[in-house]
């Protein structure tokens, strides 16, 4: 049995959750309350770095979301989510790494915008907006006449980027200037796996309370 230790609001967790759903695997979810569950001995035995997601598959522990996704692709190769062609594979890996190393960190200052918090760092928001637009142009350039990055079928790159990009309009960055990205995003959010893992208003409200408590 596969067990995913996760937090639904986390894009790192969500990308693994979506991968499990898209591969049609049987799994169970265990939600980790980051108010302290991550420091409990039973969780530290799975991930000594006390963060989510973490996956256990028949007693084998895997941490770090990209490593988990590569593991699932290797062990459960159908449907295939990594192309064989060298250029297509490079496209997938570039999109994954740009999403994690460039796009996701740019969202940190944007939390104040997304959740309408009273303290907003205008300079940081301006820099983040520029970075987000640079990433979106990169994605626009990497999408060709196929519906997904480097493939006619869903890839791991689509899942990684697609766990972040749908949030961008909440930051005030419009996708309309990037028609390929917008059409790609619309395709993703219509998929059952995205709809099943969508953040609920209750989750957003709880997270806003958490952010407000940290600011006070």
N, C-alpha and C. Protein backbone atom coordinates (compact mmCIF):
# COMPACT_ATOMS: atom_id res chain seq x y z
N UNK A 1 0.84 -1.20 0.00
CA UNK A 1 0.00 0.00 0.00
C UNK A 1 0.88 1.25 0.00
N UNK A 2 0.48 2.22 -0.79
CA UNK A 2 1.17 3.51 -0.85
C UNK A 2 0.50 4.47 0.13
N UNK A 3 1.29 5.15 0.93
CA UNK A 3 0.77 6.17 1.84
C UNK A 3 1.48 7.48 1.55
N UNK A 4 0.68 8.53 1.34
CA UNK A 4 1.23 9.86 1.13
C UNK A 4 0.95 10.72 2.34
N UNK A 5 2.01 11.20 2.97
CA UNK A 5 1.90 12.15 4.08
C UNK A 5 1.98 13.55 3.46
N UNK A 6 0.95 14.34 3.68
CA UNK A 6 0.85 15.57 2.90
C UNK A 6 0.09 16.66 3.66
N UNK A 7 0.05 17.82 3.02
CA UNK A 7 -0.81 18.93 3.43
C UNK A 7 -1.51 19.40 2.16
N UNK A 8 -2.83 19.37 2.09
CA UNK A 8 -3.53 19.64 0.82
C UNK A 8 -3.19 20.98 0.19
N UNK A 9 -2.94 22.01 1.01
CA UNK A 9 -2.68 23.34 0.48
C UNK A 9 -1.29 23.47 -0.13
N UNK A 10 -0.39 22.57 0.19
CA UNK A 10 1.00 22.65 -0.26
C UNK A 10 1.12 22.24 -1.73
N UNK A 11 1.68 23.10 -2.60
CA UNK A 11 1.91 22.69 -3.99
C UNK A 11 2.89 21.54 -4.10
N UNK A 12 3.84 21.45 -3.16
CA UNK A 12 4.77 20.33 -3.16
C UNK A 12 4.03 19.01 -2.93
N UNK A 13 3.10 19.03 -1.99
CA UNK A 13 2.29 17.84 -1.73
C UNK A 13 1.33 17.56 -2.88
N UNK A 14 0.72 18.64 -3.38
CA UNK A 14 -0.32 18.45 -4.39
C UNK A 14 0.23 17.80 -5.65
N UNK A 15 1.46 18.14 -6.02
CA UNK A 15 2.00 17.56 -7.26
C UNK A 15 2.16 16.05 -7.14
N UNK A 16 2.50 15.56 -5.95
CA UNK A 16 2.59 14.12 -5.76
C UNK A 16 1.19 13.50 -5.75
N UNK A 17 0.27 14.15 -5.09
CA UNK A 17 -1.12 13.68 -5.03
C UNK A 17 -1.68 13.55 -6.44
N UNK A 18 -1.47 14.57 -7.27
CA UNK A 18 -1.97 14.53 -8.64
C UNK A 18 -1.31 13.39 -9.42
N UNK A 19 -0.02 13.18 -9.21
CA UNK A 19 0.68 12.09 -9.91
C UNK A 19 0.06 10.75 -9.56
N UNK A 20 -0.21 10.53 -8.29
CA UNK A 20 -0.84 9.28 -7.88
C UNK A 20 -2.20 9.09 -8.55
N UNK A 21 -2.98 10.17 -8.61
CA UNK A 21 -4.30 10.09 -9.23
C UNK A 21 -4.19 9.84 -10.73
N UNK A 22 -3.29 10.57 -11.39
CA UNK A 22 -3.16 10.44 -12.84
C UNK A 22 -2.63 9.06 -13.23
N UNK A 23 -1.88 8.43 -12.36
CA UNK A 23 -1.39 7.08 -12.63
C UNK A 23 -2.40 6.00 -12.22
N UNK A 24 -3.48 6.42 -11.60
CA UNK A 24 -4.51 5.47 -11.23
C UNK A 24 -4.09 4.50 -10.14
N UNK A 25 -3.22 4.94 -9.24
CA UNK A 25 -2.71 4.05 -8.20
C UNK A 25 -3.62 4.06 -6.97
N UNK A 26 -3.59 2.96 -6.25
CA UNK A 26 -4.30 2.89 -4.96
C UNK A 26 -3.38 3.46 -3.88
N UNK A 27 -3.90 4.37 -3.09
CA UNK A 27 -3.08 4.98 -2.05
C UNK A 27 -3.98 5.53 -0.96
N UNK A 28 -3.37 5.80 0.17
CA UNK A 28 -4.08 6.46 1.26
C UNK A 28 -3.37 7.76 1.61
N UNK A 29 -4.16 8.73 2.04
CA UNK A 29 -3.64 10.03 2.41
C UNK A 29 -3.58 10.17 3.92
N UNK A 30 -2.50 10.73 4.42
CA UNK A 30 -2.39 11.08 5.83
C UNK A 30 -2.03 12.55 5.89
N UNK A 31 -2.94 13.36 6.42
CA UNK A 31 -2.67 14.79 6.50
C UNK A 31 -1.78 15.08 7.71
N UNK A 32 -0.73 15.86 7.48
CA UNK A 32 0.22 16.20 8.54
C UNK A 32 -0.06 17.63 8.98
N UNK A 33 -0.40 17.78 10.24
CA UNK A 33 -0.61 19.12 10.81
C UNK A 33 0.76 19.72 11.11
N UNK A 34 1.11 20.76 10.35
CA UNK A 34 2.44 21.34 10.51
C UNK A 34 2.56 22.19 11.77
N UNK A 35 1.56 22.13 12.60
CA UNK A 35 1.66 22.76 13.91
C UNK A 35 2.42 21.92 14.91
N UNK A 36 2.90 20.76 14.48
CA UNK A 36 3.67 19.92 15.39
C UNK A 36 3.79 18.46 14.99
N UNK A 37 2.87 17.98 14.13
CA UNK A 37 2.92 16.57 13.74
C UNK A 37 4.23 16.20 13.06
N UNK A 38 4.84 17.18 12.37
CA UNK A 38 6.06 16.88 11.62
C UNK A 38 7.26 16.60 12.51
N UNK A 39 7.12 16.91 13.80
CA UNK A 39 8.22 16.67 14.74
C UNK A 39 8.00 15.42 15.60
N UNK A 40 6.90 14.74 15.38
CA UNK A 40 6.64 13.53 16.16
C UNK A 40 7.59 12.41 15.72
N UNK A 41 8.01 11.58 16.65
CA UNK A 41 8.99 10.53 16.31
C UNK A 41 8.56 9.64 15.15
N UNK A 42 7.27 9.33 15.07
CA UNK A 42 6.83 8.43 14.00
C UNK A 42 6.98 9.07 12.62
N UNK A 43 6.83 10.41 12.55
CA UNK A 43 7.04 11.06 11.26
C UNK A 43 8.52 11.28 10.99
N UNK A 44 9.29 11.63 12.01
CA UNK A 44 10.73 11.82 11.83
C UNK A 44 11.40 10.53 11.40
N UNK A 45 10.81 9.39 11.73
CA UNK A 45 11.36 8.12 11.26
C UNK A 45 11.20 7.97 9.75
N UNK A 46 10.23 8.69 9.18
CA UNK A 46 10.02 8.67 7.73
C UNK A 46 10.82 9.77 7.06
N UNK A 47 10.78 10.97 7.65
CA UNK A 47 11.52 12.10 7.10
C UNK A 47 12.19 12.87 8.23
N UNK A 48 13.48 12.67 8.42
CA UNK A 48 14.17 13.35 9.53
C UNK A 48 14.27 14.86 9.34
N UNK A 49 13.93 15.35 8.14
CA UNK A 49 13.97 16.79 7.88
C UNK A 49 12.63 17.47 8.14
N UNK A 50 11.69 16.68 8.67
CA UNK A 50 10.38 17.13 9.16
C UNK A 50 9.63 18.08 8.21
N UNK A 51 9.54 17.68 6.94
CA UNK A 51 8.65 18.42 6.05
C UNK A 51 7.90 17.46 5.13
N UNK A 52 6.88 18.00 4.50
CA UNK A 52 6.05 17.20 3.61
C UNK A 52 6.29 17.63 2.17
N UNK A 53 5.99 16.75 1.21
CA UNK A 53 5.38 15.44 1.35
C UNK A 53 6.42 14.35 1.65
N UNK A 54 5.90 13.23 2.09
CA UNK A 54 6.70 12.02 2.24
C UNK A 54 5.82 10.86 1.80
N UNK A 55 6.43 9.89 1.17
CA UNK A 55 5.67 8.75 0.66
C UNK A 55 6.28 7.46 1.18
N UNK A 56 5.42 6.54 1.57
CA UNK A 56 5.85 5.21 1.99
C UNK A 56 5.18 4.19 1.08
N UNK A 57 5.99 3.37 0.43
CA UNK A 57 5.47 2.36 -0.50
C UNK A 57 6.01 1.00 -0.07
N UNK A 58 5.14 0.21 0.54
CA UNK A 58 5.53 -1.12 1.02
C UNK A 58 6.80 -1.06 1.87
N UNK A 59 6.83 -0.09 2.78
CA UNK A 59 7.94 0.01 3.72
C UNK A 59 9.12 0.82 3.22
N UNK A 60 9.07 1.28 1.97
CA UNK A 60 10.16 2.09 1.42
C UNK A 60 9.79 3.55 1.51
N UNK A 61 10.63 4.35 2.18
CA UNK A 61 10.35 5.77 2.40
C UNK A 61 11.00 6.61 1.31
N UNK A 62 10.21 7.56 0.76
CA UNK A 62 10.74 8.49 -0.24
C UNK A 62 10.35 9.90 0.19
N UNK A 63 11.33 10.82 0.20
CA UNK A 63 11.07 12.22 0.53
C UNK A 63 11.48 13.09 -0.65
N UNK A 64 11.08 14.36 -0.61
CA UNK A 64 11.30 15.35 -1.66
C UNK A 64 10.38 15.04 -2.85
N UNK A 65 9.54 16.02 -3.17
CA UNK A 65 8.45 15.76 -4.12
C UNK A 65 8.94 15.32 -5.49
N UNK A 66 10.00 15.93 -6.02
CA UNK A 66 10.48 15.53 -7.35
C UNK A 66 11.05 14.12 -7.33
N UNK A 67 11.73 13.76 -6.25
CA UNK A 67 12.24 12.40 -6.12
C UNK A 67 11.09 11.41 -6.01
N UNK A 68 10.04 11.78 -5.30
CA UNK A 68 8.86 10.90 -5.18
C UNK A 68 8.24 10.68 -6.55
N UNK A 69 8.10 11.75 -7.32
CA UNK A 69 7.49 11.62 -8.64
C UNK A 69 8.34 10.77 -9.57
N UNK A 70 9.66 10.93 -9.53
CA UNK A 70 10.54 10.10 -10.34
C UNK A 70 10.45 8.63 -9.91
N UNK A 71 10.35 8.41 -8.62
CA UNK A 71 10.18 7.05 -8.11
C UNK A 71 8.89 6.42 -8.64
N UNK A 72 7.81 7.18 -8.56
CA UNK A 72 6.52 6.64 -9.04
C UNK A 72 6.57 6.36 -10.54
N UNK A 73 7.24 7.23 -11.29
CA UNK A 73 7.36 7.02 -12.74
C UNK A 73 8.16 5.75 -13.04
N UNK A 74 9.23 5.53 -12.28
CA UNK A 74 10.08 4.36 -12.52
C UNK A 74 9.39 3.06 -12.10
N UNK A 75 8.70 3.09 -10.97
CA UNK A 75 8.09 1.86 -10.47
C UNK A 75 6.75 1.58 -11.12
N UNK A 76 6.03 2.62 -11.46
CA UNK A 76 4.69 2.47 -12.05
C UNK A 76 4.68 3.24 -13.37
N UNK A 77 5.29 2.68 -14.42
CA UNK A 77 5.56 3.44 -15.65
C UNK A 77 4.37 3.70 -16.55
N UNK A 78 3.20 3.19 -16.20
CA UNK A 78 2.02 3.44 -17.03
C UNK A 78 0.99 4.24 -16.24
N UNK A 79 0.44 5.29 -16.85
CA UNK A 79 0.83 5.87 -18.13
C UNK A 79 2.17 6.60 -18.01
N UNK A 80 2.94 6.56 -19.10
CA UNK A 80 4.27 7.19 -19.10
C UNK A 80 4.14 8.70 -18.97
N UNK A 81 4.94 9.29 -18.10
CA UNK A 81 4.89 10.73 -17.87
C UNK A 81 6.23 11.41 -18.12
N UNK A 82 7.18 10.66 -18.72
CA UNK A 82 8.45 11.23 -19.15
C UNK A 82 8.69 10.81 -20.60
N UNK A 83 8.95 11.78 -21.48
CA UNK A 83 9.19 11.43 -22.88
C UNK A 83 10.56 10.78 -23.06
N UNK A 84 10.74 10.07 -24.18
CA UNK A 84 12.00 9.39 -24.46
C UNK A 84 12.98 10.28 -25.24
N UNK A 85 12.45 11.14 -26.10
CA UNK A 85 13.30 12.00 -26.90
C UNK A 85 14.13 12.91 -26.00
N UNK A 86 15.42 13.09 -26.34
CA UNK A 86 16.33 13.85 -25.48
C UNK A 86 15.88 15.30 -25.29
N UNK A 87 15.47 15.95 -26.37
CA UNK A 87 15.05 17.35 -26.26
C UNK A 87 13.75 17.48 -25.48
N UNK A 88 12.83 16.56 -25.71
CA UNK A 88 11.57 16.60 -24.97
C UNK A 88 11.79 16.34 -23.49
N UNK A 89 12.68 15.39 -23.18
CA UNK A 89 12.98 15.10 -21.78
C UNK A 89 13.65 16.31 -21.12
N UNK A 90 14.54 16.97 -21.85
CA UNK A 90 15.19 18.16 -21.31
C UNK A 90 14.16 19.26 -21.05
N UNK A 91 13.19 19.40 -21.95
CA UNK A 91 12.13 20.39 -21.75
C UNK A 91 11.36 20.10 -20.47
N UNK A 92 11.00 18.84 -20.27
CA UNK A 92 10.26 18.45 -19.07
C UNK A 92 11.07 18.78 -17.82
N UNK A 93 12.33 18.41 -17.81
CA UNK A 93 13.15 18.63 -16.62
C UNK A 93 13.40 20.12 -16.38
N UNK A 94 13.59 20.90 -17.47
CA UNK A 94 13.77 22.34 -17.29
C UNK A 94 12.53 22.98 -16.67
N UNK A 95 11.37 22.59 -17.17
CA UNK A 95 10.12 23.16 -16.65
C UNK A 95 9.94 22.78 -15.18
N UNK A 96 10.26 21.55 -14.84
CA UNK A 96 10.17 21.14 -13.44
C UNK A 96 11.06 22.00 -12.56
N UNK A 97 12.32 22.15 -12.95
CA UNK A 97 13.27 22.85 -12.10
C UNK A 97 13.00 24.35 -12.06
N UNK A 98 12.59 24.95 -13.16
CA UNK A 98 12.25 26.36 -13.15
C UNK A 98 11.03 26.60 -12.26
N UNK A 99 10.08 25.68 -12.28
CA UNK A 99 8.90 25.81 -11.43
C UNK A 99 9.28 25.81 -9.95
N UNK A 100 10.17 24.90 -9.59
CA UNK A 100 10.55 24.74 -8.19
C UNK A 100 11.54 25.81 -7.73
N UNK A 101 12.52 26.13 -8.57
CA UNK A 101 13.61 27.01 -8.15
C UNK A 101 13.36 28.48 -8.43
N UNK A 102 12.50 28.79 -9.39
CA UNK A 102 12.26 30.19 -9.76
C UNK A 102 10.84 30.64 -9.44
N UNK A 103 9.86 29.86 -9.90
CA UNK A 103 8.47 30.31 -9.77
C UNK A 103 7.96 30.22 -8.34
N UNK A 104 8.13 29.09 -7.71
CA UNK A 104 7.57 28.90 -6.37
C UNK A 104 8.15 29.90 -5.35
N UNK A 105 9.48 30.14 -5.33
CA UNK A 105 9.99 31.14 -4.39
C UNK A 105 9.45 32.54 -4.66
N UNK A 106 9.14 32.84 -5.92
CA UNK A 106 8.61 34.16 -6.25
C UNK A 106 7.23 34.39 -5.66
N UNK A 107 6.56 33.32 -5.27
CA UNK A 107 5.22 33.47 -4.69
C UNK A 107 5.25 33.87 -3.22
N UNK A 108 6.38 33.72 -2.56
CA UNK A 108 6.43 34.02 -1.12
C UNK A 108 6.00 35.45 -0.80
N UNK A 109 6.57 36.48 -1.46
CA UNK A 109 6.09 37.84 -1.17
C UNK A 109 4.66 38.07 -1.61
N UNK A 110 4.18 37.21 -2.51
CA UNK A 110 2.83 37.38 -3.05
C UNK A 110 1.75 36.86 -2.11
N UNK A 111 2.15 36.17 -1.05
CA UNK A 111 1.15 35.67 -0.11
C UNK A 111 0.32 36.83 0.46
N UNK A 112 0.97 37.98 0.65
CA UNK A 112 0.26 39.15 1.18
C UNK A 112 -0.80 39.64 0.20
N UNK A 113 -0.54 39.46 -1.10
CA UNK A 113 -1.51 39.86 -2.12
C UNK A 113 -2.62 38.83 -2.22
N UNK A 114 -2.23 37.56 -2.30
CA UNK A 114 -3.20 36.48 -2.46
C UNK A 114 -4.22 36.46 -1.32
N UNK A 115 -3.73 36.70 -0.10
CA UNK A 115 -4.60 36.61 1.07
C UNK A 115 -4.98 37.98 1.64
N UNK A 116 -4.65 39.03 0.89
CA UNK A 116 -5.03 40.39 1.25
C UNK A 116 -4.63 40.70 2.69
N UNK A 117 -3.35 40.51 2.96
CA UNK A 117 -2.83 40.80 4.29
C UNK A 117 -2.46 42.28 4.37
N UNK A 118 -2.49 42.85 5.56
CA UNK A 118 -2.25 44.30 5.69
C UNK A 118 -0.83 44.72 5.37
N UNK A 119 0.14 43.85 5.62
CA UNK A 119 1.55 44.21 5.40
C UNK A 119 2.01 43.67 4.05
N UNK A 120 2.25 44.57 3.10
CA UNK A 120 2.70 44.19 1.77
C UNK A 120 4.02 44.90 1.48
N UNK A 121 4.99 44.15 1.02
CA UNK A 121 6.30 44.70 0.68
C UNK A 121 6.28 45.05 -0.81
N UNK A 122 6.08 46.30 -1.13
CA UNK A 122 5.89 46.71 -2.52
C UNK A 122 7.11 46.38 -3.38
N UNK A 123 8.29 46.58 -2.84
CA UNK A 123 9.49 46.30 -3.62
C UNK A 123 9.64 44.81 -3.92
N UNK A 124 9.39 43.98 -2.90
CA UNK A 124 9.48 42.53 -3.09
C UNK A 124 8.41 42.04 -4.06
N UNK A 125 7.22 42.61 -3.98
CA UNK A 125 6.14 42.23 -4.88
C UNK A 125 6.49 42.59 -6.32
N UNK A 126 7.10 43.76 -6.50
CA UNK A 126 7.50 44.17 -7.85
C UNK A 126 8.54 43.22 -8.44
N UNK A 127 9.51 42.83 -7.62
CA UNK A 127 10.53 41.88 -8.08
C UNK A 127 9.92 40.52 -8.38
N UNK A 128 8.98 40.08 -7.54
CA UNK A 128 8.33 38.80 -7.77
C UNK A 128 7.51 38.82 -9.05
N UNK A 129 6.82 39.93 -9.29
CA UNK A 129 6.02 40.05 -10.50
C UNK A 129 6.91 39.93 -11.74
N UNK A 130 8.07 40.58 -11.71
CA UNK A 130 9.00 40.49 -12.84
C UNK A 130 9.49 39.05 -13.02
N UNK A 131 9.81 38.38 -11.94
CA UNK A 131 10.28 37.00 -12.01
C UNK A 131 9.18 36.09 -12.56
N UNK A 132 7.96 36.27 -12.08
CA UNK A 132 6.85 35.44 -12.55
C UNK A 132 6.64 35.62 -14.05
N UNK A 133 6.71 36.84 -14.52
CA UNK A 133 6.53 37.08 -15.95
C UNK A 133 7.67 36.48 -16.77
N UNK A 134 8.88 36.50 -16.24
CA UNK A 134 9.99 35.85 -16.92
C UNK A 134 9.75 34.35 -17.04
N UNK A 135 9.26 33.74 -15.96
CA UNK A 135 8.95 32.31 -15.99
C UNK A 135 7.83 32.00 -16.98
N UNK A 136 6.80 32.81 -16.97
CA UNK A 136 5.68 32.58 -17.88
C UNK A 136 6.11 32.69 -19.34
N UNK A 137 7.00 33.63 -19.63
CA UNK A 137 7.50 33.73 -21.01
C UNK A 137 8.33 32.51 -21.37
N UNK A 138 9.11 32.01 -20.42
CA UNK A 138 9.88 30.79 -20.64
C UNK A 138 8.95 29.62 -20.94
N UNK A 139 7.88 29.49 -20.15
CA UNK A 139 6.91 28.43 -20.40
C UNK A 139 6.24 28.60 -21.76
N UNK A 140 5.89 29.83 -22.10
CA UNK A 140 5.25 30.10 -23.39
C UNK A 140 6.15 29.64 -24.53
N UNK A 141 7.44 29.89 -24.38
CA UNK A 141 8.39 29.50 -25.43
C UNK A 141 8.58 27.99 -25.50
N UNK A 142 8.38 27.31 -24.39
CA UNK A 142 8.60 25.86 -24.37
C UNK A 142 7.36 25.06 -24.80
N UNK A 143 6.22 25.69 -24.84
CA UNK A 143 5.01 25.01 -25.31
C UNK A 143 4.96 25.12 -26.84
N UNK A 144 4.92 23.98 -27.50
CA UNK A 144 4.84 23.99 -28.96
C UNK A 144 3.40 23.72 -29.39
N UNK A 145 3.23 23.01 -30.50
CA UNK A 145 1.87 22.76 -30.96
C UNK A 145 1.24 21.56 -30.29
N UNK A 146 1.95 20.97 -29.32
CA UNK A 146 1.40 19.86 -28.54
C UNK A 146 0.73 20.41 -27.28
N UNK A 147 -0.22 19.66 -26.73
CA UNK A 147 -0.98 20.19 -25.59
C UNK A 147 -0.21 20.26 -24.28
N UNK A 148 0.88 19.51 -24.17
CA UNK A 148 1.63 19.47 -22.91
C UNK A 148 3.11 19.71 -23.17
N UNK A 149 3.87 19.91 -22.11
CA UNK A 149 5.30 20.19 -22.26
C UNK A 149 6.02 18.95 -22.80
N UNK A 150 6.53 19.06 -24.02
CA UNK A 150 7.34 18.00 -24.60
C UNK A 150 6.58 16.74 -24.96
N UNK A 151 5.24 16.81 -25.04
CA UNK A 151 4.50 15.57 -25.26
C UNK A 151 3.05 15.86 -25.68
N UNK A 152 2.47 14.85 -26.32
CA UNK A 152 1.02 14.90 -26.58
C UNK A 152 0.24 14.46 -25.35
N UNK A 153 0.95 13.89 -24.38
CA UNK A 153 0.31 13.38 -23.16
C UNK A 153 0.87 14.10 -21.93
N UNK A 154 0.13 14.03 -20.84
CA UNK A 154 0.52 14.68 -19.60
C UNK A 154 1.89 14.21 -19.15
N UNK A 155 2.74 15.16 -18.73
CA UNK A 155 4.07 14.82 -18.23
C UNK A 155 4.22 15.30 -16.79
N UNK A 156 5.32 14.89 -16.17
CA UNK A 156 5.61 15.35 -14.82
C UNK A 156 5.79 16.85 -14.77
N UNK A 157 6.30 17.43 -15.86
CA UNK A 157 6.46 18.89 -15.91
C UNK A 157 5.13 19.59 -15.80
N UNK A 158 4.12 19.06 -16.47
CA UNK A 158 2.79 19.66 -16.40
C UNK A 158 2.25 19.62 -14.98
N UNK A 159 2.53 18.54 -14.28
CA UNK A 159 2.03 18.41 -12.92
C UNK A 159 2.75 19.38 -11.99
N UNK A 160 4.07 19.48 -12.14
CA UNK A 160 4.84 20.37 -11.26
C UNK A 160 4.45 21.82 -11.50
N UNK A 161 4.51 22.25 -12.76
CA UNK A 161 4.14 23.64 -13.06
C UNK A 161 2.67 23.88 -12.82
N UNK A 162 1.87 22.86 -13.09
CA UNK A 162 0.42 23.00 -12.97
C UNK A 162 -0.10 23.00 -11.55
N UNK A 163 0.79 22.74 -10.58
CA UNK A 163 0.40 22.88 -9.17
C UNK A 163 0.66 24.31 -8.67
N UNK A 164 1.25 25.16 -9.54
CA UNK A 164 1.58 26.53 -9.16
C UNK A 164 0.90 27.56 -10.04
N UNK A 165 0.96 27.37 -11.35
CA UNK A 165 0.48 28.39 -12.29
C UNK A 165 -0.97 28.81 -12.07
N UNK A 166 -1.90 27.90 -11.76
CA UNK A 166 -3.29 28.34 -11.55
C UNK A 166 -3.45 29.37 -10.43
N UNK A 167 -2.46 29.47 -9.54
CA UNK A 167 -2.51 30.46 -8.46
C UNK A 167 -2.15 31.87 -8.94
N UNK A 168 -1.47 31.96 -10.07
CA UNK A 168 -0.87 33.24 -10.46
C UNK A 168 -1.87 34.37 -10.66
N UNK A 169 -3.05 34.13 -11.25
CA UNK A 169 -4.00 35.24 -11.36
C UNK A 169 -4.37 35.87 -10.01
N UNK A 170 -4.27 35.08 -8.93
CA UNK A 170 -4.57 35.64 -7.60
C UNK A 170 -3.52 36.65 -7.16
N UNK A 171 -2.35 36.63 -7.82
CA UNK A 171 -1.29 37.58 -7.48
C UNK A 171 -1.42 38.87 -8.28
N UNK A 172 -2.35 38.89 -9.22
CA UNK A 172 -2.49 40.05 -10.08
C UNK A 172 -1.77 39.91 -11.40
N UNK A 173 -1.08 38.78 -11.60
CA UNK A 173 -0.40 38.51 -12.87
C UNK A 173 -1.37 37.79 -13.79
N UNK A 174 -1.67 38.38 -14.93
CA UNK A 174 -2.63 37.79 -15.86
C UNK A 174 -1.95 36.79 -16.78
N UNK A 175 -2.66 35.72 -17.09
CA UNK A 175 -2.16 34.75 -18.07
C UNK A 175 -2.54 35.12 -19.49
N UNK A 176 -3.35 36.16 -19.65
CA UNK A 176 -3.86 36.50 -20.99
C UNK A 176 -2.75 36.89 -21.96
N UNK A 177 -1.63 37.38 -21.43
CA UNK A 177 -0.52 37.75 -22.30
C UNK A 177 0.28 36.53 -22.77
N UNK A 178 -0.06 35.37 -22.26
CA UNK A 178 0.65 34.14 -22.60
C UNK A 178 -0.38 33.10 -23.06
N UNK A 179 -0.85 33.22 -24.30
CA UNK A 179 -1.99 32.41 -24.75
C UNK A 179 -1.75 30.91 -24.70
N UNK A 180 -0.54 30.46 -24.99
CA UNK A 180 -0.27 29.02 -24.91
C UNK A 180 -0.34 28.53 -23.46
N UNK A 181 0.23 29.33 -22.57
CA UNK A 181 0.20 28.96 -21.15
C UNK A 181 -1.23 28.96 -20.63
N UNK A 182 -2.00 29.95 -21.02
CA UNK A 182 -3.38 30.02 -20.55
C UNK A 182 -4.19 28.82 -21.03
N UNK A 183 -4.05 28.48 -22.32
CA UNK A 183 -4.78 27.32 -22.85
C UNK A 183 -4.33 26.03 -22.17
N UNK A 184 -3.02 25.93 -21.92
CA UNK A 184 -2.48 24.76 -21.22
C UNK A 184 -3.04 24.68 -19.80
N UNK A 185 -3.07 25.82 -19.10
CA UNK A 185 -3.59 25.86 -17.73
C UNK A 185 -5.07 25.48 -17.70
N UNK A 186 -5.83 25.98 -18.64
CA UNK A 186 -7.26 25.65 -18.71
C UNK A 186 -7.46 24.15 -18.92
N UNK A 187 -6.60 23.53 -19.73
CA UNK A 187 -6.70 22.08 -19.95
C UNK A 187 -6.44 21.33 -18.65
N UNK A 188 -5.44 21.78 -17.91
CA UNK A 188 -5.08 21.08 -16.68
C UNK A 188 -6.18 21.16 -15.63
N UNK A 189 -6.67 22.36 -15.38
CA UNK A 189 -7.62 22.52 -14.28
C UNK A 189 -8.96 21.85 -14.58
N UNK A 190 -9.18 21.49 -15.84
CA UNK A 190 -10.40 20.75 -16.19
C UNK A 190 -10.25 19.26 -15.93
N UNK A 191 -9.04 18.80 -15.70
CA UNK A 191 -8.81 17.36 -15.48
C UNK A 191 -9.33 16.97 -14.10
N UNK A 192 -9.89 15.77 -13.97
CA UNK A 192 -10.42 15.33 -12.67
C UNK A 192 -9.41 15.37 -11.54
N UNK A 193 -8.14 15.07 -11.82
CA UNK A 193 -7.14 15.05 -10.75
C UNK A 193 -6.93 16.44 -10.17
N UNK A 194 -7.01 17.47 -11.02
CA UNK A 194 -6.88 18.84 -10.51
C UNK A 194 -8.12 19.25 -9.72
N UNK A 195 -9.27 18.85 -10.21
CA UNK A 195 -10.50 19.21 -9.52
C UNK A 195 -10.60 18.49 -8.18
N UNK A 196 -10.16 17.24 -8.13
CA UNK A 196 -10.23 16.49 -6.88
C UNK A 196 -9.29 17.05 -5.82
N UNK A 197 -8.20 17.66 -6.23
CA UNK A 197 -7.21 18.16 -5.28
C UNK A 197 -7.29 19.67 -5.10
N UNK A 198 -8.34 20.29 -5.63
CA UNK A 198 -8.48 21.74 -5.55
C UNK A 198 -8.59 22.21 -4.11
N UNK A 199 -7.95 23.34 -3.84
CA UNK A 199 -8.01 23.92 -2.50
C UNK A 199 -9.41 24.44 -2.20
N UNK A 200 -9.92 24.13 -1.03
CA UNK A 200 -11.27 24.57 -0.67
C UNK A 200 -11.21 25.95 -0.01
N UNK A 201 -12.32 26.68 -0.02
CA UNK A 201 -12.35 27.98 0.68
C UNK A 201 -12.01 27.86 2.15
N UNK A 202 -12.39 26.76 2.76
CA UNK A 202 -12.10 26.55 4.18
C UNK A 202 -10.58 26.45 4.40
N UNK A 203 -9.89 25.72 3.49
CA UNK A 203 -8.43 25.62 3.60
C UNK A 203 -7.77 26.99 3.48
N UNK A 204 -8.26 27.79 2.54
CA UNK A 204 -7.71 29.12 2.33
C UNK A 204 -7.93 30.00 3.56
N UNK A 205 -9.12 29.91 4.13
CA UNK A 205 -9.44 30.72 5.31
C UNK A 205 -8.55 30.33 6.49
N UNK A 206 -8.33 29.02 6.66
CA UNK A 206 -7.48 28.55 7.76
C UNK A 206 -6.04 29.00 7.56
N UNK A 207 -5.57 28.96 6.29
CA UNK A 207 -4.20 29.37 6.02
C UNK A 207 -4.02 30.87 6.24
N UNK A 208 -5.03 31.63 5.89
CA UNK A 208 -4.96 33.08 6.13
C UNK A 208 -4.86 33.37 7.63
N UNK A 209 -5.62 32.65 8.42
CA UNK A 209 -5.54 32.82 9.87
C UNK A 209 -4.13 32.52 10.39
N UNK A 210 -3.53 31.47 9.81
CA UNK A 210 -2.17 31.10 10.20
C UNK A 210 -1.20 32.22 9.84
N UNK A 211 -1.32 32.75 8.63
CA UNK A 211 -0.44 33.85 8.21
C UNK A 211 -0.63 35.07 9.10
N UNK A 212 -1.87 35.40 9.43
CA UNK A 212 -2.15 36.54 10.28
C UNK A 212 -1.55 36.36 11.67
N UNK A 213 -1.63 35.14 12.18
CA UNK A 213 -1.07 34.88 13.51
C UNK A 213 0.45 35.04 13.53
N UNK A 214 1.09 34.71 12.41
CA UNK A 214 2.55 34.84 12.33
C UNK A 214 2.97 36.30 12.21
N UNK A 215 2.08 37.13 11.62
CA UNK A 215 2.38 38.56 11.47
C UNK A 215 2.20 39.34 12.77
N UNK A 216 1.34 38.80 13.63
CA UNK A 216 1.00 39.52 14.87
C UNK A 216 2.06 39.35 15.95
